[in-house]
């Protein structure tokens, strides 16, 4: 029975990992894509807007 207790945690983690990957793949694109792209664009704009401009580029 030691082999069952040794193999159970990796098997459970493998099933969980496969489930997470399937959820990620299913949620890519579709109706969520525009919303996700807008959120990323807004975050990038905030990050770029908060950077100071060096004097030689201004």
PDB file of N, CA and C in Angstrom:
ATOM      1  N   UNK A   1       0.803  -1.198   0.000  1.00  0.00           N
ATOM      2  CA  UNK A   1       0.000   0.000   0.000  1.00  0.00           C
ATOM      3  C   UNK A   1       0.848   1.266   0.000  1.00  0.00           C
ATOM      4  N   UNK A   2       2.127   1.151   0.268  1.00  0.00           N
ATOM      5  CA  UNK A   2       2.977   2.333   0.266  1.00  0.00           C
ATOM      6  C   UNK A   2       3.049   2.979  -1.114  1.00  0.00           C
ATOM      7  N   UNK A   3       2.992   2.153  -2.159  1.00  0.00           N
ATOM      8  CA  UNK A   3       3.080   2.706  -3.507  1.00  0.00           C
ATOM      9  C   UNK A   3       1.847   3.535  -3.841  1.00  0.00           C
ATOM     10  N   UNK A   4       0.689   3.191  -3.287  1.00  0.00           N
ATOM     11  CA  UNK A   4      -0.518   3.982  -3.540  1.00  0.00           C
ATOM     12  C   UNK A   4      -0.389   5.351  -2.885  1.00  0.00           C
ATOM     13  N   UNK A   5       0.062   5.376  -1.646  1.00  0.00           N
ATOM     14  CA  UNK A   5       0.214   6.663  -0.965  1.00  0.00           C
ATOM     15  C   UNK A   5       1.342   7.486  -1.581  1.00  0.00           C
ATOM     16  N   UNK A   6       2.305   6.834  -2.223  1.00  0.00           N
ATOM     17  CA  UNK A   6       3.393   7.559  -2.881  1.00  0.00           C
ATOM     18  C   UNK A   6       2.936   8.151  -4.217  1.00  0.00           C
ATOM     19  N   UNK A   7       2.034   7.474  -4.906  1.00  0.00           N
ATOM     20  CA  UNK A   7       1.596   7.934  -6.231  1.00  0.00           C
ATOM     21  C   UNK A   7       0.383   8.857  -6.178  1.00  0.00           C
ATOM     22  N   UNK A   8      -0.352   8.836  -5.092  1.00  0.00           N
ATOM     23  CA  UNK A   8      -1.579   9.632  -5.032  1.00  0.00           C
ATOM     24  C   UNK A   8      -1.334  11.144  -5.132  1.00  0.00           C
ATOM     25  N   UNK A   9      -0.428  11.741  -4.359  1.00  0.00           N
ATOM     26  CA  UNK A   9      -0.239  13.199  -4.489  1.00  0.00           C
ATOM     27  C   UNK A   9       0.173  13.661  -5.895  1.00  0.00           C
ATOM     28  N   UNK A  10       1.121  12.983  -6.569  1.00  0.00           N
ATOM     29  CA  UNK A  10       1.445  13.422  -7.927  1.00  0.00           C
ATOM     30  C   UNK A  10       0.272  13.249  -8.894  1.00  0.00           C
ATOM     31  N   UNK A  11      -0.510  12.214  -8.713  1.00  0.00           N
ATOM     32  CA  UNK A  11      -1.654  11.996  -9.592  1.00  0.00           C
ATOM     33  C   UNK A  11      -2.708  13.086  -9.384  1.00  0.00           C
ATOM     34  N   UNK A  12      -2.955  13.450  -8.140  1.00  0.00           N
ATOM     35  CA  UNK A  12      -3.924  14.512  -7.850  1.00  0.00           C
ATOM     36  C   UNK A  12      -3.431  15.837  -8.412  1.00  0.00           C
ATOM     37  N   UNK A  13      -2.161  16.127  -8.252  1.00  0.00           N
ATOM     38  CA  UNK A  13      -1.609  17.370  -8.784  1.00  0.00           C
ATOM     39  C   UNK A  13      -1.661  17.389 -10.303  1.00  0.00           C
ATOM     40  N   UNK A  14      -1.435  16.253 -10.948  1.00  0.00           N
ATOM     41  CA  UNK A  14      -1.503  16.180 -12.403  1.00  0.00           C
ATOM     42  C   UNK A  14      -2.918  16.456 -12.888  1.00  0.00           C
ATOM     43  N   UNK A  15      -3.905  15.893 -12.227  1.00  0.00           N
ATOM     44  CA  UNK A  15      -5.301  16.132 -12.607  1.00  0.00           C
ATOM     45  C   UNK A  15      -5.649  17.603 -12.399  1.00  0.00           C
ATOM     46  N   UNK A  16      -5.237  18.179 -11.296  1.00  0.00           N
ATOM     47  CA  UNK A  16      -5.496  19.592 -11.021  1.00  0.00           C
ATOM     48  C   UNK A  16      -4.826  20.484 -12.072  1.00  0.00           C
ATOM     49  N   UNK A  17      -3.580  20.179 -12.420  1.00  0.00           N
ATOM     50  CA  UNK A  17      -2.839  20.959 -13.405  1.00  0.00           C
ATOM     51  C   UNK A  17      -3.519  20.893 -14.769  1.00  0.00           C
ATOM     52  N   UNK A  18      -3.953  19.716 -15.175  1.00  0.00           N
ATOM     53  CA  UNK A  18      -4.653  19.568 -16.455  1.00  0.00           C
ATOM     54  C   UNK A  18      -5.938  20.383 -16.440  1.00  0.00           C
ATOM     55  N   UNK A  19      -6.649  20.375 -15.329  1.00  0.00           N
ATOM     56  CA  UNK A  19      -7.870  21.165 -15.210  1.00  0.00           C
ATOM     57  C   UNK A  19      -7.602  22.656 -15.336  1.00  0.00           C
ATOM     58  N   UNK A  20      -6.540  23.131 -14.701  1.00  0.00           N
ATOM     59  CA  UNK A  20      -6.190  24.552 -14.776  1.00  0.00           C
ATOM     60  C   UNK A  20      -5.840  24.933 -16.211  1.00  0.00           C
ATOM     61  N   UNK A  21      -5.068  24.111 -16.885  1.00  0.00           N
ATOM     62  CA  UNK A  21      -4.693  24.389 -18.268  1.00  0.00           C
ATOM     63  C   UNK A  21      -5.927  24.416 -19.164  1.00  0.00           C
ATOM     64  N   UNK A  22      -6.861  23.502 -18.950  1.00  0.00           N
ATOM     65  CA  UNK A  22      -8.086  23.493 -19.761  1.00  0.00           C
ATOM     66  C   UNK A  22      -8.900  24.761 -19.551  1.00  0.00           C
ATOM     67  N   UNK A  23      -8.997  25.233 -18.313  1.00  0.00           N
ATOM     68  CA  UNK A  23      -9.736  26.470 -18.036  1.00  0.00           C
ATOM     69  C   UNK A  23      -9.051  27.654 -18.718  1.00  0.00           C
ATOM     70  N   UNK A  24      -7.743  27.700 -18.653  1.00  0.00           N
ATOM     71  CA  UNK A  24      -7.014  28.800 -19.292  1.00  0.00           C
ATOM     72  C   UNK A  24      -7.240  28.792 -20.793  1.00  0.00           C
ATOM     73  N   UNK A  25      -7.157  27.631 -21.415  1.00  0.00           N
ATOM     74  CA  UNK A  25      -7.335  27.546 -22.864  1.00  0.00           C
ATOM     75  C   UNK A  25      -8.761  27.896 -23.255  1.00  0.00           C
ATOM     76  N   UNK A  26      -9.736  27.444 -22.496  1.00  0.00           N
ATOM     77  CA  UNK A  26     -11.139  27.733 -22.835  1.00  0.00           C
ATOM     78  C   UNK A  26     -11.482  29.204 -22.696  1.00  0.00           C
ATOM     79  N   UNK A  27     -10.838  29.911 -21.787  1.00  0.00           N
ATOM     80  CA  UNK A  27     -11.185  31.310 -21.566  1.00  0.00           C
ATOM     81  C   UNK A  27     -10.420  32.259 -22.478  1.00  0.00           C
ATOM     82  N   UNK A  28      -9.537  31.757 -23.315  1.00  0.00           N
ATOM     83  CA  UNK A  28      -8.819  32.617 -24.247  1.00  0.00           C
ATOM     84  C   UNK A  28      -9.710  32.940 -25.429  1.00  0.00           C
ATOM     85  N   UNK A  29      -9.707  34.183 -25.844  1.00  0.00           N
ATOM     86  CA  UNK A  29     -10.494  34.584 -27.003  1.00  0.00           C
ATOM     87  C   UNK A  29     -11.961  34.709 -26.662  1.00  0.00           C
ATOM     88  N   UNK A  30     -12.788  34.744 -27.674  1.00  0.00           N
ATOM     89  CA  UNK A  30     -14.222  34.831 -27.467  1.00  0.00           C
ATOM     90  C   UNK A  30     -14.654  36.174 -26.926  1.00  0.00           C
ATOM     91  N   UNK A  31     -15.713  36.166 -26.146  1.00  0.00           N
ATOM     92  CA  UNK A  31     -16.290  37.398 -25.622  1.00  0.00           C
ATOM     93  C   UNK A  31     -15.362  38.076 -24.628  1.00  0.00           C
ATOM     94  N   UNK A  32     -14.538  37.314 -23.945  1.00  0.00           N
ATOM     95  CA  UNK A  32     -13.648  37.902 -22.929  1.00  0.00           C
ATOM     96  C   UNK A  32     -12.429  38.584 -23.538  1.00  0.00           C
ATOM     97  N   UNK A  33     -12.099  38.260 -24.783  1.00  0.00           N
ATOM     98  CA  UNK A  33     -10.858  38.767 -25.371  1.00  0.00           C
ATOM     99  C   UNK A  33     -10.832  40.290 -25.414  1.00  0.00           C
ATOM    100  N   UNK A  34     -11.900  40.921 -25.835  1.00  0.00           N
ATOM    101  CA  UNK A  34     -11.924  42.380 -25.927  1.00  0.00           C
ATOM    102  C   UNK A  34     -11.770  43.015 -24.557  1.00  0.00           C
ATOM    103  N   UNK A  35     -12.461  42.454 -23.574  1.00  0.00           N
ATOM    104  CA  UNK A  35     -12.385  43.000 -22.212  1.00  0.00           C
ATOM    105  C   UNK A  35     -10.980  42.836 -21.645  1.00  0.00           C
ATOM    106  N   UNK A  36     -10.373  41.678 -21.867  1.00  0.00           N
ATOM    107  CA  UNK A  36      -9.026  41.442 -21.360  1.00  0.00           C
ATOM    108  C   UNK A  36      -8.017  42.339 -22.062  1.00  0.00           C
ATOM    109  N   UNK A  37      -8.156  42.496 -23.382  1.00  0.00           N
ATOM    110  CA  UNK A  37      -7.244  43.360 -24.121  1.00  0.00           C
ATOM    111  C   UNK A  37      -7.359  44.801 -23.652  1.00  0.00           C
ATOM    112  N   UNK A  38      -8.567  45.255 -23.384  1.00  0.00           N
ATOM    113  CA  UNK A  38      -8.767  46.628 -22.907  1.00  0.00           C
ATOM    114  C   UNK A  38      -8.130  46.813 -21.534  1.00  0.00           C
ATOM    115  N   UNK A  39      -8.240  45.820 -20.675  1.00  0.00           N
ATOM    116  CA  UNK A  39      -7.643  45.917 -19.340  1.00  0.00           C
ATOM    117  C   UNK A  39      -6.119  45.976 -19.431  1.00  0.00           C
ATOM    118  N   UNK A  40      -5.538  45.182 -20.310  1.00  0.00           N
ATOM    119  CA  UNK A  40      -4.085  45.186 -20.479  1.00  0.00           C
ATOM    120  C   UNK A  40      -3.626  46.513 -21.071  1.00  0.00           C
ATOM    121  N   UNK A  41      -4.349  47.012 -22.071  1.00  0.00           N
ATOM    122  CA  UNK A  41      -3.993  48.295 -22.669  1.00  0.00           C
ATOM    123  C   UNK A  41      -4.058  49.420 -21.645  1.00  0.00           C
ATOM    124  N   UNK A  42      -5.082  49.406 -20.796  1.00  0.00           N
ATOM    125  CA  UNK A  42      -5.208  50.440 -19.768  1.00  0.00           C
ATOM    126  C   UNK A  42      -4.065  50.352 -18.755  1.00  0.00           C
ATOM    127  N   UNK A  43      -3.697  49.151 -18.363  1.00  0.00           N
ATOM    128  CA  UNK A  43      -2.599  48.978 -17.411  1.00  0.00           C
ATOM    129  C   UNK A  43      -1.277  49.440 -18.013  1.00  0.00           C
ATOM    130  N   UNK A  44      -1.057  49.131 -19.296  1.00  0.00           N
ATOM    131  CA  UNK A  44       0.172  49.578 -19.954  1.00  0.00           C
ATOM    132  C   UNK A  44       0.208  51.095 -20.074  1.00  0.00           C
ATOM    133  N   UNK A  45      -0.933  51.693 -20.391  1.00  0.00           N
ATOM    134  CA  UNK A  45      -0.982  53.148 -20.508  1.00  0.00           C
ATOM    135  C   UNK A  45      -0.680  53.813 -19.161  1.00  0.00           C
ATOM    136  N   UNK A  46      -1.223  53.254 -18.068  1.00  0.00           N
ATOM    137  CA  UNK A  46      -0.935  53.808 -16.742  1.00  0.00           C
ATOM    138  C   UNK A  46       0.547  53.662 -16.407  1.00  0.00           C
ATOM    139  N   UNK A  47       1.111  52.504 -16.735  1.00  0.00           N
ATOM    140  CA  UNK A  47       2.519  52.266 -16.420  1.00  0.00           C
ATOM    141  C   UNK A  47       3.419  53.189 -17.232  1.00  0.00           C
ATOM    142  N   UNK A  48       3.110  53.393 -18.485  1.00  0.00           N
ATOM    143  CA  UNK A  48       3.936  54.257 -19.324  1.00  0.00           C
ATOM    144  C   UNK A  48       3.731  55.724 -18.964  1.00  0.00           C
ATOM    145  N   UNK A  49       2.546  56.083 -18.522  1.00  0.00           N
ATOM    146  CA  UNK A  49       2.281  57.466 -18.154  1.00  0.00           C
ATOM    147  C   UNK A  49       2.950  57.875 -16.866  1.00  0.00           C
ATOM    148  N   UNK A  50       3.281  56.926 -16.014  1.00  0.00           N
ATOM    149  CA  UNK A  50       3.873  57.259 -14.724  1.00  0.00           C
ATOM    150  C   UNK A  50       5.399  57.336 -14.767  1.00  0.00           C
ATOM    151  N   UNK A  51       5.991  56.972 -15.916  1.00  0.00           N
ATOM    152  CA  UNK A  51       7.447  57.028 -16.028  1.00  0.00           C
ATOM    153  C   UNK A  51       7.904  58.465 -16.299  1.00  0.00           C
ATOM    154  N   UNK A  52       8.941  58.894 -15.631  1.00  0.00           N
ATOM    155  CA  UNK A  52       9.479  60.228 -15.944  1.00  0.00           C
ATOM    156  C   UNK A  52      10.230  60.192 -17.284  1.00  0.00           C
ATOM    157  N   UNK A  53      10.091  61.262 -18.047  1.00  0.00           N
ATOM    158  CA  UNK A  53      10.766  61.355 -19.347  1.00  0.00           C
ATOM    159  C   UNK A  53      12.159  61.935 -19.124  1.00  0.00           C
ATOM    160  N   UNK A  54      13.194  61.248 -19.643  1.00  0.00           N
ATOM    161  CA  UNK A  54      14.553  61.817 -19.508  1.00  0.00           C
ATOM    162  C   UNK A  54      14.649  63.163 -20.227  1.00  0.00           C
ATOM    163  N   UNK A  55      15.506  64.043 -19.732  1.00  0.00           N
ATOM    164  CA  UNK A  55      15.590  65.404 -20.270  1.00  0.00           C
ATOM    165  C   UNK A  55      16.077  65.442 -21.702  1.00  0.00           C
ATOM    166  N   UNK A  56      16.926  64.501 -22.105  1.00  0.00           N
ATOM    167  CA  UNK A  56      17.454  64.531 -23.461  1.00  0.00           C
ATOM    168  C   UNK A  56      16.422  64.062 -24.492  1.00  0.00           C
ATOM    169  N   UNK A  57      15.316  63.422 -24.064  1.00  0.00           N
ATOM    170  CA  UNK A  57      14.278  62.987 -24.994  1.00  0.00           C
ATOM    171  C   UNK A  57      13.146  63.987 -25.081  1.00  0.00           C
ATOM    172  N   UNK A  58      13.021  64.889 -24.139  1.00  0.00           N
ATOM    173  CA  UNK A  58      11.907  65.820 -24.130  1.00  0.00           C
ATOM    174  C   UNK A  58      12.128  67.011 -25.026  1.00  0.00           C
TER     175      UNK A  58
END
